[in-house]
Amino acid sequence: MKLLLTSSGLTSKRLGKEFVMLLKKSVQDSKILVIHTAQKPEHMIFVNEVGEEISKQGILLSNISYVNISGEIPNILLSKYDAVYVCGGNTYFILDRIRKTRLDNSLKRYVKSGGLYIGVSAGSIIAGQNIQIVGWGIEGDSNEISLKDLRGLGFTNIAVFPHYKHKLKREVEEFKSLVDYPVESLKDGEAIIIKDKKVKRIRKN
């Protein structure tokens, strides 16, 4: 299992280097799938930024594919990709769409077989056992779709709290006191790498 769970993506040289080291192939030969839920033209600005971010690591633009899971999607053979990059957004909506497009089971098989999963914000949160943390605190996501099943993909028992700032310390500590699993607070530019059973924290430069 290889997980790169970030707050804001590959936004530092250190994270870029860690990403390259996690790939099985050379960057020139590696293929990346970007999963997103952009619903408006202006949202595509952020998706395009993701492509630029990945290409800066040496990945060829022709080797970056995109799939929008907001609507119906074709069958995707995840095994042909060396990494799957799950973008951020509203966590409830993303998890719901991953289930409804049946990507949840495909992603579980992909990660189990050694594929690299990269999460950004919501994409990192859904990798955990549940997404309860996303609705916690003053900056939590709104559950506008009234999602009742808050179980995550279950790749790790660690809950990620992205976009952490010092002013949120108290509410994060309160959440930690209520749960029996580890919680990692990540500032933008930070990440945790989970490789097999080893956990490595990447701090902001």
N, C-alpha and C. Protein backbone atom coordinates (compact mmCIF):
# COMPACT_ATOMS: atom_id res chain seq x y z
N MET A 1 0.84 -1.19 0.00
CA MET A 1 0.00 0.00 0.00
C MET A 1 0.87 1.24 0.00
N LYS A 2 0.50 2.18 -0.87
CA LYS A 2 1.24 3.44 -0.94
C LYS A 2 0.25 4.60 -1.02
N LEU A 3 0.26 5.42 0.02
CA LEU A 3 -0.62 6.58 0.08
C LEU A 3 0.20 7.84 0.28
N LEU A 4 -0.10 8.86 -0.50
CA LEU A 4 0.48 10.18 -0.29
C LEU A 4 -0.70 11.12 -0.02
N LEU A 5 -0.93 11.39 1.25
CA LEU A 5 -2.11 12.16 1.66
C LEU A 5 -1.67 13.59 1.99
N THR A 6 -2.12 14.53 1.18
CA THR A 6 -1.66 15.91 1.28
C THR A 6 -2.80 16.84 1.68
N SER A 7 -2.41 18.03 2.11
CA SER A 7 -3.39 19.07 2.39
C SER A 7 -3.71 19.85 1.12
N SER A 8 -2.67 20.15 0.33
CA SER A 8 -2.87 21.04 -0.82
C SER A 8 -2.19 20.55 -2.10
N GLY A 9 -1.87 19.27 -2.16
CA GLY A 9 -1.26 18.73 -3.37
C GLY A 9 0.26 18.78 -3.34
N LEU A 10 0.87 18.64 -4.51
CA LEU A 10 2.33 18.59 -4.63
C LEU A 10 2.88 20.01 -4.74
N THR A 11 2.67 20.77 -3.68
CA THR A 11 2.94 22.21 -3.73
C THR A 11 4.31 22.61 -3.18
N SER A 12 5.19 21.64 -2.99
CA SER A 12 6.54 21.97 -2.54
C SER A 12 7.53 21.03 -3.23
N LYS A 13 8.79 21.43 -3.31
CA LYS A 13 9.81 20.58 -3.92
C LYS A 13 9.95 19.28 -3.16
N ARG A 14 9.83 19.34 -1.83
CA ARG A 14 9.96 18.14 -1.02
C ARG A 14 8.87 17.13 -1.36
N LEU A 15 7.63 17.60 -1.47
CA LEU A 15 6.53 16.70 -1.81
C LEU A 15 6.69 16.15 -3.23
N GLY A 16 7.18 16.99 -4.14
CA GLY A 16 7.44 16.53 -5.50
C GLY A 16 8.45 15.40 -5.53
N LYS A 17 9.51 15.54 -4.76
CA LYS A 17 10.54 14.50 -4.70
C LYS A 17 10.00 13.21 -4.11
N GLU A 18 9.18 13.35 -3.06
CA GLU A 18 8.60 12.16 -2.43
C GLU A 18 7.67 11.44 -3.41
N PHE A 19 6.90 12.20 -4.16
CA PHE A 19 6.02 11.64 -5.18
C PHE A 19 6.81 10.83 -6.20
N VAL A 20 7.88 11.39 -6.71
CA VAL A 20 8.72 10.71 -7.71
C VAL A 20 9.30 9.42 -7.14
N MET A 21 9.73 9.45 -5.89
CA MET A 21 10.32 8.26 -5.28
C MET A 21 9.30 7.15 -5.08
N LEU A 22 8.02 7.51 -4.95
CA LEU A 22 6.98 6.51 -4.74
C LEU A 22 6.56 5.81 -6.03
N LEU A 23 6.89 6.42 -7.17
CA LEU A 23 6.54 5.82 -8.46
C LEU A 23 7.40 4.58 -8.74
N LYS A 24 6.80 3.60 -9.38
CA LYS A 24 7.54 2.39 -9.73
C LYS A 24 8.40 2.59 -10.97
N LYS A 25 7.96 3.47 -11.86
CA LYS A 25 8.65 3.72 -13.12
C LYS A 25 9.33 5.09 -13.10
N SER A 26 10.05 5.37 -14.16
CA SER A 26 10.60 6.71 -14.32
C SER A 26 9.46 7.69 -14.54
N VAL A 27 9.69 8.97 -14.23
CA VAL A 27 8.61 9.96 -14.39
C VAL A 27 8.18 10.06 -15.86
N GLN A 28 9.11 9.90 -16.79
CA GLN A 28 8.77 10.01 -18.21
C GLN A 28 7.84 8.89 -18.68
N ASP A 29 7.91 7.76 -18.00
CA ASP A 29 7.10 6.60 -18.40
C ASP A 29 5.84 6.43 -17.54
N SER A 30 5.70 7.22 -16.51
CA SER A 30 4.58 7.06 -15.58
C SER A 30 3.31 7.73 -16.10
N LYS A 31 2.18 7.07 -15.86
CA LYS A 31 0.88 7.60 -16.25
C LYS A 31 0.04 7.91 -15.00
N ILE A 32 -0.59 9.07 -15.00
CA ILE A 32 -1.33 9.54 -13.83
C ILE A 32 -2.79 9.78 -14.21
N LEU A 33 -3.70 9.34 -13.36
CA LEU A 33 -5.12 9.62 -13.53
C LEU A 33 -5.55 10.63 -12.48
N VAL A 34 -6.15 11.72 -12.92
CA VAL A 34 -6.66 12.76 -12.02
C VAL A 34 -8.18 12.61 -11.93
N ILE A 35 -8.69 12.40 -10.73
CA ILE A 35 -10.13 12.28 -10.50
C ILE A 35 -10.62 13.57 -9.87
N HIS A 36 -11.64 14.18 -10.48
CA HIS A 36 -12.14 15.45 -9.95
C HIS A 36 -13.66 15.51 -10.10
N THR A 37 -14.25 16.56 -9.51
CA THR A 37 -15.71 16.72 -9.55
C THR A 37 -16.09 18.13 -10.02
N ALA A 38 -15.29 18.72 -10.89
CA ALA A 38 -15.56 20.08 -11.38
C ALA A 38 -16.93 20.13 -12.05
N GLN A 39 -17.78 21.04 -11.56
CA GLN A 39 -19.14 21.14 -12.09
C GLN A 39 -19.38 22.44 -12.86
N LYS A 40 -18.48 23.40 -12.72
CA LYS A 40 -18.62 24.67 -13.41
C LYS A 40 -17.33 24.96 -14.17
N PRO A 41 -17.42 25.74 -15.25
CA PRO A 41 -16.22 26.06 -16.03
C PRO A 41 -15.10 26.66 -15.18
N GLU A 42 -15.47 27.50 -14.21
CA GLU A 42 -14.44 28.13 -13.37
C GLU A 42 -13.72 27.12 -12.48
N HIS A 43 -14.38 25.99 -12.20
CA HIS A 43 -13.72 24.96 -11.40
C HIS A 43 -12.57 24.31 -12.16
N MET A 44 -12.65 24.35 -13.50
CA MET A 44 -11.62 23.72 -14.32
C MET A 44 -10.28 24.43 -14.19
N ILE A 45 -10.30 25.65 -13.71
CA ILE A 45 -9.04 26.37 -13.47
C ILE A 45 -8.18 25.57 -12.50
N PHE A 46 -8.82 25.07 -11.44
CA PHE A 46 -8.10 24.31 -10.42
C PHE A 46 -7.63 22.96 -10.97
N VAL A 47 -8.46 22.34 -11.81
CA VAL A 47 -8.07 21.06 -12.41
C VAL A 47 -6.86 21.25 -13.32
N ASN A 48 -6.87 22.33 -14.09
CA ASN A 48 -5.72 22.62 -14.96
C ASN A 48 -4.46 22.88 -14.14
N GLU A 49 -4.63 23.52 -12.99
CA GLU A 49 -3.49 23.76 -12.10
C GLU A 49 -2.90 22.45 -11.59
N VAL A 50 -3.77 21.48 -11.36
CA VAL A 50 -3.30 20.16 -10.93
C VAL A 50 -2.42 19.54 -12.02
N GLY A 51 -2.87 19.63 -13.28
CA GLY A 51 -2.07 19.10 -14.38
C GLY A 51 -0.71 19.76 -14.46
N GLU A 52 -0.67 21.08 -14.28
CA GLU A 52 0.61 21.80 -14.29
C GLU A 52 1.50 21.36 -13.14
N GLU A 53 0.88 21.18 -11.99
CA GLU A 53 1.61 20.76 -10.79
C GLU A 53 2.26 19.40 -11.00
N ILE A 54 1.51 18.47 -11.59
CA ILE A 54 2.03 17.13 -11.85
C ILE A 54 3.12 17.16 -12.91
N SER A 55 2.91 17.94 -13.96
CA SER A 55 3.90 18.01 -15.04
C SER A 55 5.22 18.61 -14.57
N LYS A 56 5.17 19.46 -13.56
CA LYS A 56 6.40 20.04 -13.02
C LYS A 56 7.31 18.98 -12.40
N GLN A 57 6.73 17.84 -12.07
CA GLN A 57 7.53 16.76 -11.48
C GLN A 57 8.21 15.91 -12.56
N GLY A 58 7.95 16.23 -13.83
CA GLY A 58 8.57 15.50 -14.94
C GLY A 58 7.61 14.58 -15.68
N ILE A 59 6.35 14.52 -15.23
CA ILE A 59 5.36 13.69 -15.92
C ILE A 59 4.97 14.36 -17.24
N LEU A 60 4.95 13.59 -18.33
CA LEU A 60 4.56 14.14 -19.62
C LEU A 60 3.07 14.50 -19.61
N LEU A 61 2.72 15.64 -20.19
CA LEU A 61 1.32 16.06 -20.23
C LEU A 61 0.46 15.01 -20.92
N SER A 62 1.02 14.34 -21.90
CA SER A 62 0.28 13.30 -22.63
C SER A 62 0.02 12.07 -21.77
N ASN A 63 0.71 11.96 -20.63
CA ASN A 63 0.53 10.82 -19.73
C ASN A 63 -0.36 11.15 -18.54
N ILE A 64 -0.99 12.32 -18.58
CA ILE A 64 -1.92 12.71 -17.51
C ILE A 64 -3.34 12.64 -18.07
N SER A 65 -4.17 11.80 -17.46
CA SER A 65 -5.56 11.67 -17.88
C SER A 65 -6.47 12.23 -16.80
N TYR A 66 -7.67 12.63 -17.20
CA TYR A 66 -8.62 13.25 -16.27
C TYR A 66 -9.98 12.55 -16.39
N VAL A 67 -10.64 12.41 -15.26
CA VAL A 67 -12.01 11.91 -15.28
C VAL A 67 -12.83 12.73 -14.29
N ASN A 68 -13.97 13.21 -14.76
CA ASN A 68 -14.89 13.98 -13.94
C ASN A 68 -15.99 13.04 -13.46
N ILE A 69 -16.05 12.79 -12.16
CA ILE A 69 -17.01 11.83 -11.64
C ILE A 69 -18.32 12.48 -11.21
N SER A 70 -18.53 13.73 -11.61
CA SER A 70 -19.79 14.40 -11.30
C SER A 70 -20.96 13.78 -12.08
N GLY A 71 -20.66 13.20 -13.24
CA GLY A 71 -21.70 12.57 -14.05
C GLY A 71 -21.34 11.13 -14.34
N GLU A 72 -21.99 10.56 -15.33
CA GLU A 72 -21.70 9.18 -15.71
C GLU A 72 -20.29 9.12 -16.30
N ILE A 73 -19.58 8.07 -15.99
CA ILE A 73 -18.21 7.93 -16.49
C ILE A 73 -18.03 6.57 -17.16
N PRO A 74 -17.12 6.49 -18.12
CA PRO A 74 -16.86 5.19 -18.76
C PRO A 74 -16.09 4.28 -17.81
N ASN A 75 -16.05 3.02 -18.15
CA ASN A 75 -15.26 2.08 -17.35
C ASN A 75 -13.79 2.50 -17.38
N ILE A 76 -13.17 2.53 -16.21
CA ILE A 76 -11.78 2.97 -16.10
C ILE A 76 -10.93 1.81 -15.61
N LEU A 77 -9.88 1.50 -16.34
CA LEU A 77 -8.96 0.45 -15.93
C LEU A 77 -7.83 1.12 -15.13
N LEU A 78 -7.99 1.14 -13.82
CA LEU A 78 -7.03 1.84 -12.98
C LEU A 78 -5.65 1.23 -13.04
N SER A 79 -5.57 -0.06 -13.32
CA SER A 79 -4.28 -0.75 -13.29
C SER A 79 -3.29 -0.22 -14.32
N LYS A 80 -3.76 0.51 -15.32
CA LYS A 80 -2.83 1.04 -16.33
C LYS A 80 -2.18 2.35 -15.89
N TYR A 81 -2.59 2.84 -14.71
CA TYR A 81 -2.03 4.09 -14.20
C TYR A 81 -1.05 3.81 -13.06
N ASP A 82 -0.01 4.60 -13.01
CA ASP A 82 1.01 4.44 -11.96
C ASP A 82 0.65 5.22 -10.70
N ALA A 83 -0.26 6.16 -10.81
CA ALA A 83 -0.76 6.89 -9.65
C ALA A 83 -2.15 7.42 -9.96
N VAL A 84 -2.98 7.44 -8.94
CA VAL A 84 -4.31 8.04 -9.03
C VAL A 84 -4.34 9.23 -8.09
N TYR A 85 -4.68 10.38 -8.62
CA TYR A 85 -4.65 11.65 -7.90
C TYR A 85 -6.10 12.10 -7.69
N VAL A 86 -6.57 12.11 -6.44
CA VAL A 86 -7.95 12.47 -6.14
C VAL A 86 -7.99 13.90 -5.60
N CYS A 87 -8.64 14.77 -6.36
CA CYS A 87 -8.67 16.20 -6.02
C CYS A 87 -9.57 16.48 -4.82
N GLY A 88 -9.49 17.73 -4.36
CA GLY A 88 -10.32 18.18 -3.27
C GLY A 88 -11.67 18.69 -3.74
N GLY A 89 -12.42 19.23 -2.79
CA GLY A 89 -13.78 19.71 -3.05
C GLY A 89 -14.62 19.41 -1.84
N ASN A 90 -15.92 19.32 -2.01
CA ASN A 90 -16.79 18.96 -0.89
C ASN A 90 -16.67 17.46 -0.63
N THR A 91 -16.21 17.11 0.54
CA THR A 91 -15.89 15.72 0.86
C THR A 91 -17.10 14.81 0.77
N TYR A 92 -18.24 15.26 1.25
CA TYR A 92 -19.46 14.45 1.19
C TYR A 92 -19.82 14.12 -0.26
N PHE A 93 -19.76 15.13 -1.11
CA PHE A 93 -20.12 14.95 -2.52
C PHE A 93 -19.14 14.01 -3.22
N ILE A 94 -17.85 14.20 -2.97
CA ILE A 94 -16.83 13.37 -3.62
C ILE A 94 -17.00 11.91 -3.22
N LEU A 95 -17.17 11.64 -1.93
CA LEU A 95 -17.34 10.26 -1.48
C LEU A 95 -18.61 9.65 -2.07
N ASP A 96 -19.67 10.41 -2.10
CA ASP A 96 -20.93 9.93 -2.67
C ASP A 96 -20.76 9.58 -4.15
N ARG A 97 -20.08 10.44 -4.92
CA ARG A 97 -19.88 10.18 -6.34
C ARG A 97 -18.95 8.99 -6.58
N ILE A 98 -17.95 8.83 -5.73
CA ILE A 98 -17.05 7.68 -5.87
C ILE A 98 -17.83 6.38 -5.68
N ARG A 99 -18.76 6.39 -4.75
CA ARG A 99 -19.60 5.20 -4.56
C ARG A 99 -20.54 4.99 -5.74
N LYS A 100 -21.22 6.05 -6.15
CA LYS A 100 -22.24 5.91 -7.20
C LYS A 100 -21.64 5.56 -8.56
N THR A 101 -20.38 5.94 -8.77
CA THR A 101 -19.71 5.56 -10.02
C THR A 101 -18.96 4.24 -9.88
N ARG A 102 -19.09 3.62 -8.70
CA ARG A 102 -18.48 2.32 -8.39
C ARG A 102 -16.96 2.35 -8.44
N LEU A 103 -16.43 3.53 -8.24
CA LEU A 103 -14.97 3.64 -8.19
C LEU A 103 -14.41 3.20 -6.84
N ASP A 104 -15.26 3.14 -5.82
CA ASP A 104 -14.77 2.79 -4.48
C ASP A 104 -14.10 1.41 -4.48
N ASN A 105 -14.77 0.42 -5.03
CA ASN A 105 -14.19 -0.93 -5.05
C ASN A 105 -12.97 -1.00 -5.96
N SER A 106 -13.03 -0.26 -7.08
CA SER A 106 -11.88 -0.24 -8.00
C SER A 106 -10.66 0.37 -7.32
N LEU A 107 -10.88 1.44 -6.57
CA LEU A 107 -9.77 2.10 -5.87
C LEU A 107 -9.21 1.19 -4.78
N LYS A 108 -10.07 0.46 -4.11
CA LYS A 108 -9.60 -0.45 -3.06
C LYS A 108 -8.72 -1.55 -3.65
N ARG A 109 -9.14 -2.10 -4.79
CA ARG A 109 -8.33 -3.12 -5.45
C ARG A 109 -7.01 -2.53 -5.94
N TYR A 110 -7.08 -1.32 -6.46
CA TYR A 110 -5.89 -0.65 -6.98
C TYR A 110 -4.86 -0.43 -5.88
N VAL A 111 -5.30 0.09 -4.75
CA VAL A 111 -4.38 0.34 -3.63
C VAL A 111 -3.85 -0.96 -3.06
N LYS A 112 -4.70 -1.95 -2.96
CA LYS A 112 -4.28 -3.25 -2.42
C LYS A 112 -3.21 -3.89 -3.29
N SER A 113 -3.27 -3.63 -4.60
CA SER A 113 -2.30 -4.23 -5.53
C SER A 113 -1.01 -3.41 -5.63
N GLY A 114 -0.91 -2.31 -4.86
CA GLY A 114 0.33 -1.54 -4.83
C GLY A 114 0.31 -0.24 -5.59
N GLY A 115 -0.85 0.14 -6.15
CA GLY A 115 -0.96 1.41 -6.85
C GLY A 115 -0.81 2.59 -5.91
N LEU A 116 -0.27 3.68 -6.41
CA LEU A 116 -0.05 4.88 -5.59
C LEU A 116 -1.31 5.75 -5.59
N TYR A 117 -1.83 6.01 -4.41
CA TYR A 117 -3.00 6.88 -4.23
C TYR A 117 -2.53 8.21 -3.68
N ILE A 118 -2.86 9.29 -4.39
CA ILE A 118 -2.53 10.64 -3.93
C ILE A 118 -3.82 11.36 -3.60
N GLY A 119 -3.95 11.83 -2.38
CA GLY A 119 -5.14 12.56 -1.98
C GLY A 119 -4.81 14.02 -1.72
N VAL A 120 -5.75 14.88 -2.06
CA VAL A 120 -5.61 16.31 -1.78
C VAL A 120 -6.84 16.74 -0.98
N SER A 121 -6.63 17.22 0.23
CA SER A 121 -7.72 17.71 1.07
C SER A 121 -8.81 16.65 1.20
N ALA A 122 -9.97 16.84 0.57
CA ALA A 122 -11.04 15.84 0.64
C ALA A 122 -10.56 14.48 0.15
N GLY A 123 -9.70 14.47 -0.87
CA GLY A 123 -9.16 13.22 -1.38
C GLY A 123 -8.34 12.47 -0.34
N SER A 124 -7.75 13.21 0.60
CA SER A 124 -7.01 12.59 1.71
C SER A 124 -7.96 12.12 2.80
N ILE A 125 -8.99 12.90 3.06
CA ILE A 125 -9.94 12.56 4.12
C ILE A 125 -10.66 11.25 3.82
N ILE A 126 -11.09 11.05 2.58
CA ILE A 126 -11.86 9.86 2.25
C ILE A 126 -11.03 8.59 2.30
N ALA A 127 -9.70 8.72 2.38
CA ALA A 127 -8.84 7.54 2.46
C ALA A 127 -8.93 6.86 3.82
N GLY A 128 -9.48 7.56 4.82
CA GLY A 128 -9.57 7.03 6.17
C GLY A 128 -10.76 6.10 6.38
N GLN A 129 -10.93 5.67 7.63
CA GLN A 129 -12.04 4.77 7.97
C GLN A 129 -13.39 5.47 7.88
N ASN A 130 -13.40 6.76 8.19
CA ASN A 130 -14.63 7.53 8.09
C ASN A 130 -14.27 8.99 7.81
N ILE A 131 -15.29 9.80 7.50
CA ILE A 131 -15.04 11.21 7.17
C ILE A 131 -15.66 12.14 8.21
N GLN A 132 -15.87 11.64 9.42
CA GLN A 132 -16.50 12.46 10.46
C GLN A 132 -15.79 13.79 10.68
N ILE A 133 -14.49 13.79 10.54
CA ILE A 133 -13.70 14.98 10.83
C ILE A 133 -14.03 16.14 9.91
N VAL A 134 -14.56 15.84 8.72
CA VAL A 134 -14.77 16.90 7.74
C VAL A 134 -15.87 17.88 8.15
N GLY A 135 -16.78 17.43 8.98
CA GLY A 135 -17.85 18.32 9.41
C GLY A 135 -17.58 19.00 10.73
N TRP A 136 -16.36 18.84 11.23
CA TRP A 136 -16.01 19.35 12.54
C TRP A 136 -15.42 20.75 12.45
N GLY A 137 -15.89 21.65 13.29
CA GLY A 137 -15.26 22.96 13.42
C GLY A 137 -15.82 24.02 12.48
N ILE A 138 -15.28 25.21 12.62
CA ILE A 138 -15.81 26.38 11.92
C ILE A 138 -15.55 26.35 10.42
N GLU A 139 -14.57 25.55 9.98
CA GLU A 139 -14.25 25.50 8.55
C GLU A 139 -14.64 24.16 7.93
N GLY A 140 -15.50 23.40 8.60
CA GLY A 140 -15.90 22.10 8.09
C GLY A 140 -16.78 22.19 6.86
N ASP A 141 -16.80 21.10 6.08
CA ASP A 141 -17.66 21.04 4.90
C ASP A 141 -19.13 20.97 5.31
N SER A 142 -19.99 21.46 4.44
CA SER A 142 -21.43 21.37 4.65
C SER A 142 -21.95 20.11 3.96
N ASN A 143 -22.73 19.33 4.70
CA ASN A 143 -23.29 18.09 4.15
C ASN A 143 -24.60 18.40 3.42
N GLU A 144 -24.46 19.08 2.29
CA GLU A 144 -25.63 19.54 1.55
C GLU A 144 -26.40 18.41 0.89
N ILE A 145 -25.77 17.27 0.71
CA ILE A 145 -26.47 16.14 0.08
C ILE A 145 -27.03 15.18 1.13
N SER A 146 -26.88 15.55 2.42
CA SER A 146 -27.39 14.73 3.54
C SER A 146 -26.87 13.30 3.49
N LEU A 147 -25.57 13.16 3.22
CA LEU A 147 -24.95 11.83 3.18
C LEU A 147 -24.97 11.22 4.57
N LYS A 148 -25.53 10.02 4.67
CA LYS A 148 -25.64 9.37 5.98
C LYS A 148 -24.52 8.38 6.25
N ASP A 149 -24.06 7.70 5.22
CA ASP A 149 -22.99 6.72 5.37
C ASP A 149 -21.65 7.44 5.28
N LEU A 150 -21.03 7.65 6.41
CA LEU A 150 -19.78 8.43 6.47
C LEU A 150 -18.53 7.55 6.47
N ARG A 151 -18.69 6.29 6.12
CA ARG A 151 -17.52 5.42 6.04
C ARG A 151 -16.64 5.83 4.86
N GLY A 152 -15.32 5.87 5.11
CA GLY A 152 -14.38 6.21 4.05
C GLY A 152 -13.96 4.96 3.29
N LEU A 153 -12.88 5.10 2.52
CA LEU A 153 -12.38 3.98 1.72
C LEU A 153 -11.61 2.97 2.56
N GLY A 154 -11.19 3.38 3.76
CA GLY A 154 -10.59 2.43 4.70
C GLY A 154 -9.17 2.02 4.39
N PHE A 155 -8.42 2.87 3.69
CA PHE A 155 -7.03 2.54 3.41
C PHE A 155 -6.16 2.65 4.67
N THR A 156 -6.56 3.50 5.59
CA THR A 156 -5.80 3.75 6.81
C THR A 156 -6.77 4.09 7.93
N ASN A 157 -6.30 3.92 9.19
CA ASN A 157 -7.14 4.32 10.32
C ASN A 157 -6.86 5.76 10.73
N ILE A 158 -5.95 6.42 10.03
CA ILE A 158 -5.60 7.81 10.33
C ILE A 158 -6.61 8.76 9.68
N ALA A 159 -7.10 9.71 10.48
CA ALA A 159 -7.98 10.75 9.94
C ALA A 159 -7.13 11.98 9.66
N VAL A 160 -7.25 12.53 8.45
CA VAL A 160 -6.49 13.71 8.06
C VAL A 160 -7.34 14.97 8.24
N PHE A 161 -6.76 15.96 8.90
CA PHE A 161 -7.39 17.28 9.03
C PHE A 161 -6.56 18.24 8.20
N PRO A 162 -7.01 18.53 6.95
CA PRO A 162 -6.21 19.39 6.06
C PRO A 162 -6.41 20.88 6.33
N HIS A 163 -5.56 21.69 5.74
CA HIS A 163 -5.64 23.16 5.83
C HIS A 163 -5.60 23.64 7.29
N TYR A 164 -4.78 22.94 8.07
CA TYR A 164 -4.70 23.28 9.50
C TYR A 164 -4.03 24.64 9.72
N LYS A 165 -4.60 25.38 10.65
CA LYS A 165 -4.02 26.66 11.09
C LYS A 165 -4.03 26.67 12.62
N HIS A 166 -3.17 27.50 13.20
CA HIS A 166 -3.05 27.51 14.65
C HIS A 166 -4.38 27.84 15.33
N LYS A 167 -5.18 28.69 14.69
CA LYS A 167 -6.46 29.08 15.31
C LYS A 167 -7.44 27.91 15.42
N LEU A 168 -7.15 26.80 14.71
CA LEU A 168 -8.01 25.63 14.75
C LEU A 168 -7.54 24.59 15.75
N LYS A 169 -6.47 24.89 16.47
CA LYS A 169 -5.87 23.91 17.38
C LYS A 169 -6.86 23.37 18.40
N ARG A 170 -7.61 24.27 19.00
CA ARG A 170 -8.53 23.84 20.06
C ARG A 170 -9.59 22.88 19.56
N GLU A 171 -10.17 23.19 18.40
CA GLU A 171 -11.23 22.31 17.90
C GLU A 171 -10.68 20.97 17.44
N VAL A 172 -9.45 20.95 16.91
CA VAL A 172 -8.84 19.68 16.52
C VAL A 172 -8.58 18.82 17.76
N GLU A 173 -8.09 19.44 18.83
CA GLU A 173 -7.84 18.71 20.08
C GLU A 173 -9.15 18.17 20.64
N GLU A 174 -10.22 18.93 20.51
CA GLU A 174 -11.53 18.46 20.98
C GLU A 174 -11.96 17.22 20.20
N PHE A 175 -11.75 17.26 18.88
CA PHE A 175 -12.11 16.11 18.06
C PHE A 175 -11.29 14.89 18.46
N LYS A 176 -10.00 15.08 18.65
CA LYS A 176 -9.13 13.98 19.04
C LYS A 176 -9.60 13.31 20.33
N SER A 177 -10.12 14.12 21.25
CA SER A 177 -10.56 13.58 22.55
C SER A 177 -11.82 12.72 22.42
N LEU A 178 -12.50 12.83 21.29
CA LEU A 178 -13.76 12.12 21.11
C LEU A 178 -13.62 10.82 20.32
N VAL A 179 -12.46 10.61 19.70
CA VAL A 179 -12.28 9.43 18.85
C VAL A 179 -11.14 8.55 19.36
N ASP A 180 -11.13 7.30 18.90
CA ASP A 180 -10.12 6.35 19.36
C ASP A 180 -9.14 5.98 18.25
N TYR A 181 -8.98 6.88 17.28
CA TYR A 181 -8.03 6.64 16.19
C TYR A 181 -7.16 7.88 16.01
N PRO A 182 -5.99 7.73 15.39
CA PRO A 182 -5.07 8.87 15.24
C PRO A 182 -5.59 9.92 14.28
N VAL A 183 -5.28 11.17 14.57
CA VAL A 183 -5.66 12.30 13.73
C VAL A 183 -4.40 13.07 13.37
N GLU A 184 -4.19 13.33 12.08
CA GLU A 184 -3.03 14.09 11.61
C GLU A 184 -3.49 15.45 11.09
N SER A 185 -3.04 16.51 11.72
CA SER A 185 -3.34 17.86 11.25
C SER A 185 -2.28 18.28 10.25
N LEU A 186 -2.69 18.65 9.06
CA LEU A 186 -1.75 19.01 8.00
C LEU A 186 -1.96 20.45 7.56
N LYS A 187 -0.90 21.24 7.62
CA LYS A 187 -0.95 22.57 7.02
C LYS A 187 -0.80 22.42 5.52
N ASP A 188 -1.20 23.44 4.77
CA ASP A 188 -0.97 23.41 3.33
C ASP A 188 0.53 23.29 3.08
N GLY A 189 0.91 22.39 2.19
CA GLY A 189 2.32 22.12 1.94
C GLY A 189 2.84 20.93 2.71
N GLU A 190 1.98 20.32 3.56
CA GLU A 190 2.38 19.16 4.34
C GLU A 190 1.64 17.91 3.88
N ALA A 191 2.13 16.75 4.32
CA ALA A 191 1.52 15.49 3.91
C ALA A 191 1.96 14.38 4.84
N ILE A 192 1.28 13.26 4.75
CA ILE A 192 1.77 12.03 5.36
C ILE A 192 1.90 10.99 4.25
N ILE A 193 2.94 10.19 4.35
CA ILE A 193 3.14 9.08 3.42
C ILE A 193 2.95 7.80 4.21
N ILE A 194 2.09 6.95 3.70
CA ILE A 194 1.88 5.64 4.33
C ILE A 194 2.30 4.59 3.32
N LYS A 195 3.37 3.92 3.63
CA LYS A 195 3.90 2.87 2.76
C LYS A 195 3.94 1.58 3.54
N ASP A 196 3.09 0.65 3.12
CA ASP A 196 2.86 -0.57 3.89
C ASP A 196 2.39 -0.16 5.29
N LYS A 197 3.14 -0.43 6.32
CA LYS A 197 2.69 -0.06 7.67
C LYS A 197 3.47 1.11 8.26
N LYS A 198 4.34 1.70 7.45
CA LYS A 198 5.15 2.81 7.92
C LYS A 198 4.51 4.15 7.57
N VAL A 199 4.52 5.06 8.54
CA VAL A 199 3.94 6.39 8.34
C VAL A 199 5.05 7.43 8.45
N LYS A 200 5.13 8.29 7.47
CA LYS A 200 6.16 9.33 7.43
C LYS A 200 5.47 10.68 7.24
N ARG A 201 5.78 11.63 8.10
CA ARG A 201 5.19 12.96 7.99
C ARG A 201 6.13 13.89 7.25
N ILE A 202 5.58 14.62 6.27
CA ILE A 202 6.34 15.61 5.53
C ILE A 202 5.89 16.99 5.99
N ARG A 203 6.78 17.69 6.65
CA ARG A 203 6.42 19.01 7.18
C ARG A 203 6.69 20.09 6.14
N LYS A 204 6.05 21.21 6.36
CA LYS A 204 6.19 22.34 5.46
C LYS A 204 7.62 22.85 5.47
N ASN A 205 8.14 23.20 4.28
CA ASN A 205 9.53 23.69 4.18
C ASN A 205 9.67 25.01 4.92
